[in-house]
Amino acid sequence: MLEGGMHVRVLVVDDHPAFRRALTSALRLVGDIEIAGEAGGGVAACDQAEALEPDVVLMDLSMPDLSGIDAMKKIHESKPDLPVVILTAHADAGVEREAREAGASGFLAKGTGLQDLVITLH
């Protein structure tokens, strides 16, 4: 998403703290990725996207307070050019189509390898 090997500041959003910690730990090992922040739900994601100004949001779809789709729509109201990559356990064609129609710039299944995740974030 950013050209020329620049650092990418990522906001990681997932309601499962252990998964979120593992994901952020793995991403921190990548030299050109910086964790801008973390959020445990859609409402917090909207607040953090505004406050932290990340380069990209990596967001789960299923969250208890506000779905990833609804959070992405809300984020895009104030930041229409902020890329949102969906990382979900619900990776089927219908869900992917819905996410892309709502504005997702990328769509990955949980369990995707770190290399593919990093490529998508760039």
C-alpha atoms as a PDB file:
ATOM      1  CA  MET A   1       0.000   0.000   0.000  1.00  0.00           C
ATOM      2  CA  LEU A   2       2.963   2.291   0.498  1.00  0.00           C
ATOM      3  CA  GLU A   3       5.599   2.455  -2.200  1.00  0.00           C
ATOM      4  CA  GLY A   4       9.349   2.335  -1.971  1.00  0.00           C
ATOM      5  CA  GLY A   5       9.741   0.161   1.121  1.00  0.00           C
ATOM      6  CA  MET A   6       8.421   2.807   3.480  1.00  0.00           C
ATOM      7  CA  HIS A   7       7.278   1.907   6.958  1.00  0.00           C
ATOM      8  CA  VAL A   8       3.644   0.902   7.149  1.00  0.00           C
ATOM      9  CA  ARG A   9       1.794   1.885  10.320  1.00  0.00           C
ATOM     10  CA  VAL A  10      -0.865  -0.747  11.047  1.00  0.00           C
ATOM     11  CA  LEU A  11      -3.868  -0.588  13.368  1.00  0.00           C
ATOM     12  CA  VAL A  12      -4.683  -4.179  14.385  1.00  0.00           C
ATOM     13  CA  VAL A  13      -8.330  -4.848  15.293  1.00  0.00           C
ATOM     14  CA  ASP A  14      -9.524  -8.178  16.710  1.00  0.00           C
ATOM     15  CA  ASP A  15     -11.724  -8.982  19.691  1.00  0.00           C
ATOM     16  CA  HIS A  16      -9.624 -11.990  20.761  1.00  0.00           C
ATOM     17  CA  PRO A  17      -6.750 -10.615  22.876  1.00  0.00           C
ATOM     18  CA  ALA A  18      -4.512 -13.685  22.480  1.00  0.00           C
ATOM     19  CA  PHE A  19      -4.847 -13.677  18.690  1.00  0.00           C
ATOM     20  CA  ARG A  20      -4.311  -9.901  18.559  1.00  0.00           C
ATOM     21  CA  ARG A  21      -1.149 -10.197  20.694  1.00  0.00           C
ATOM     22  CA  ALA A  22       0.214 -13.033  18.539  1.00  0.00           C
ATOM     23  CA  LEU A  23      -0.523 -11.114  15.361  1.00  0.00           C
ATOM     24  CA  THR A  24       1.074  -7.889  16.557  1.00  0.00           C
ATOM     25  CA  SER A  25       4.112  -9.813  17.835  1.00  0.00           C
ATOM     26  CA  ALA A  26       4.559 -11.449  14.426  1.00  0.00           C
ATOM     27  CA  LEU A  27       4.120  -8.160  12.565  1.00  0.00           C
ATOM     28  CA  ARG A  28       6.678  -6.457  14.830  1.00  0.00           C
ATOM     29  CA  LEU A  29       9.271  -8.906  13.488  1.00  0.00           C
ATOM     30  CA  VAL A  30       8.864  -7.376  10.030  1.00  0.00           C
ATOM     31  CA  GLY A  31      11.301  -4.510   9.649  1.00  0.00           C
ATOM     32  CA  ASP A  32       9.097  -2.095   7.750  1.00  0.00           C
ATOM     33  CA  ILE A  33       5.874  -2.592   9.714  1.00  0.00           C
ATOM     34  CA  GLU A  34       5.066  -0.542  12.785  1.00  0.00           C
ATOM     35  CA  ILE A  35       2.088  -1.273  15.016  1.00  0.00           C
ATOM     36  CA  ALA A  36       0.287   2.065  15.248  1.00  0.00           C
ATOM     37  CA  GLY A  37      -2.150   0.643  17.783  1.00  0.00           C
ATOM     38  CA  GLU A  38      -4.579  -2.092  18.677  1.00  0.00           C
ATOM     39  CA  ALA A  39      -8.316  -2.252  19.218  1.00  0.00           C
ATOM     40  CA  GLY A  40     -10.533  -4.991  20.584  1.00  0.00           C
ATOM     41  CA  GLY A  41     -13.726  -4.003  18.794  1.00  0.00           C
ATOM     42  CA  GLY A  42     -15.290  -1.983  16.020  1.00  0.00           C
ATOM     43  CA  VAL A  43     -16.107   1.093  18.101  1.00  0.00           C
ATOM     44  CA  ALA A  44     -12.535   1.298  19.416  1.00  0.00           C
ATOM     45  CA  ALA A  45     -11.249   0.743  15.865  1.00  0.00           C
ATOM     46  CA  CYS A  46     -13.123   3.823  14.666  1.00  0.00           C
ATOM     47  CA  ASP A  47     -11.739   5.904  17.527  1.00  0.00           C
ATOM     48  CA  GLN A  48      -8.183   4.609  17.042  1.00  0.00           C
ATOM     49  CA  ALA A  49      -8.265   5.112  13.260  1.00  0.00           C
ATOM     50  CA  GLU A  50      -9.112   8.764  13.864  1.00  0.00           C
ATOM     51  CA  ALA A  51      -6.652   9.346  16.705  1.00  0.00           C
ATOM     52  CA  LEU A  52      -3.632   7.328  15.539  1.00  0.00           C
ATOM     53  CA  GLU A  53      -3.771   7.985  11.783  1.00  0.00           C
ATOM     54  CA  PRO A  54      -2.478   4.563  10.693  1.00  0.00           C
ATOM     55  CA  ASP A  55      -1.519   3.801   7.090  1.00  0.00           C
ATOM     56  CA  VAL A  56      -3.736   0.709   7.052  1.00  0.00           C
ATOM     57  CA  VAL A  57      -6.264  -1.026   9.313  1.00  0.00           C
ATOM     58  CA  LEU A  58      -6.114  -4.810   9.676  1.00  0.00           C
ATOM     59  CA  MET A  59      -9.561  -5.781  10.938  1.00  0.00           C
ATOM     60  CA  ASP A  60     -11.526  -8.854  11.925  1.00  0.00           C
ATOM     61  CA  LEU A  61     -15.129  -9.072  10.755  1.00  0.00           C
ATOM     62  CA  SER A  62     -16.834 -10.643  13.768  1.00  0.00           C
ATOM     63  CA  MET A  63     -16.769  -8.441  16.837  1.00  0.00           C
ATOM     64  CA  PRO A  64     -19.338  -8.038  19.589  1.00  0.00           C
ATOM     65  CA  ASP A  65     -19.918  -4.276  19.519  1.00  0.00           C
ATOM     66  CA  LEU A  66     -19.688  -3.264  15.862  1.00  0.00           C
ATOM     67  CA  SER A  67     -18.935  -5.612  12.970  1.00  0.00           C
ATOM     68  CA  GLY A  68     -15.825  -5.137  10.890  1.00  0.00           C
ATOM     69  CA  ILE A  69     -17.985  -4.167   7.901  1.00  0.00           C
ATOM     70  CA  ASP A  70     -19.857  -1.506   9.881  1.00  0.00           C
ATOM     71  CA  ALA A  71     -16.650  -0.229  11.485  1.00  0.00           C
ATOM     72  CA  MET A  72     -14.996  -0.009   8.072  1.00  0.00           C
ATOM     73  CA  LYS A  73     -17.945   1.989   6.706  1.00  0.00           C
ATOM     74  CA  LYS A  74     -17.763   4.370   9.658  1.00  0.00           C
ATOM     75  CA  ILE A  75     -13.991   4.772   9.295  1.00  0.00           C
ATOM     76  CA  HIS A  76     -14.427   5.540   5.603  1.00  0.00           C
ATOM     77  CA  GLU A  77     -16.915   8.328   6.405  1.00  0.00           C
ATOM     78  CA  SER A  78     -14.085  10.407   7.868  1.00  0.00           C
ATOM     79  CA  LYS A  79     -11.104   8.728   6.184  1.00  0.00           C
ATOM     80  CA  PRO A  80     -12.262   7.491   2.761  1.00  0.00           C
ATOM     81  CA  ASP A  81      -8.720   6.766   1.558  1.00  0.00           C
ATOM     82  CA  LEU A  82      -7.633   4.713   4.597  1.00  0.00           C
ATOM     83  CA  PRO A  83      -7.125   1.129   3.412  1.00  0.00           C
ATOM     84  CA  VAL A  84      -8.843  -1.559   5.478  1.00  0.00           C
ATOM     85  CA  VAL A  85      -7.692  -5.152   5.095  1.00  0.00           C
ATOM     86  CA  ILE A  86     -10.072  -7.759   6.458  1.00  0.00           C
ATOM     87  CA  LEU A  87      -8.528 -10.729   8.281  1.00  0.00           C
ATOM     88  CA  THR A  88     -11.242 -13.209   9.193  1.00  0.00           C
ATOM     89  CA  ALA A  89     -12.082 -16.795  10.024  1.00  0.00           C
ATOM     90  CA  HIS A  90     -15.173 -16.392   7.807  1.00  0.00           C
ATOM     91  CA  ALA A  91     -13.338 -16.458   4.508  1.00  0.00           C
ATOM     92  CA  ASP A  92     -15.788 -17.488   1.829  1.00  0.00           C
ATOM     93  CA  ALA A  93     -16.632 -15.884  -1.498  1.00  0.00           C
ATOM     94  CA  GLY A  94     -19.894 -14.302  -0.303  1.00  0.00           C
ATOM     95  CA  VAL A  95     -18.293 -12.698   2.739  1.00  0.00           C
ATOM     96  CA  GLU A  96     -15.353 -11.493   0.676  1.00  0.00           C
ATOM     97  CA  ARG A  97     -17.706  -9.940  -1.905  1.00  0.00           C
ATOM     98  CA  GLU A  98     -19.641  -8.156   0.871  1.00  0.00           C
ATOM     99  CA  ALA A  99     -16.429  -6.829   2.411  1.00  0.00           C
ATOM    100  CA  ARG A 100     -15.041  -5.601  -0.900  1.00  0.00           C
ATOM    101  CA  GLU A 101     -18.355  -3.944  -1.812  1.00  0.00           C
ATOM    102  CA  ALA A 102     -18.210  -2.158   1.557  1.00  0.00           C
ATOM    103  CA  GLY A 103     -14.738  -0.827   0.743  1.00  0.00           C
ATOM    104  CA  ALA A 104     -12.186  -3.407   1.898  1.00  0.00           C
ATOM    105  CA  SER A 105      -8.888  -3.047   0.076  1.00  0.00           C
ATOM    106  CA  GLY A 106      -7.858  -6.596   0.951  1.00  0.00           C
ATOM    107  CA  PHE A 107      -9.365  -9.788   2.308  1.00  0.00           C
ATOM    108  CA  LEU A 108      -7.454 -12.611   3.993  1.00  0.00           C
ATOM    109  CA  ALA A 109      -8.319 -15.733   5.916  1.00  0.00           C
ATOM    110  CA  LYS A 110      -6.970 -16.127   9.431  1.00  0.00           C
ATOM    111  CA  GLY A 111      -4.186 -18.620   9.070  1.00  0.00           C
ATOM    112  CA  THR A 112      -2.726 -16.816   6.055  1.00  0.00           C
ATOM    113  CA  GLY A 113       1.055 -16.917   6.200  1.00  0.00           C
ATOM    114  CA  LEU A 114       2.954 -13.915   7.495  1.00  0.00           C
ATOM    115  CA  GLN A 115       4.603 -13.287   4.115  1.00  0.00           C
ATOM    116  CA  ASP A 116       1.230 -13.051   2.327  1.00  0.00           C
ATOM    117  CA  LEU A 117      -0.128 -10.829   5.101  1.00  0.00           C
ATOM    118  CA  VAL A 118       2.836  -8.464   4.826  1.00  0.00           C
ATOM    119  CA  ILE A 119       2.472  -8.279   1.040  1.00  0.00           C
ATOM    120  CA  THR A 120      -1.198  -7.372   1.414  1.00  0.00           C
ATOM    121  CA  LEU A 121      -0.445  -4.675   3.992  1.00  0.00           C
ATOM    122  CA  HIS A 122       1.944  -2.991   1.595  1.00  0.00           C
END
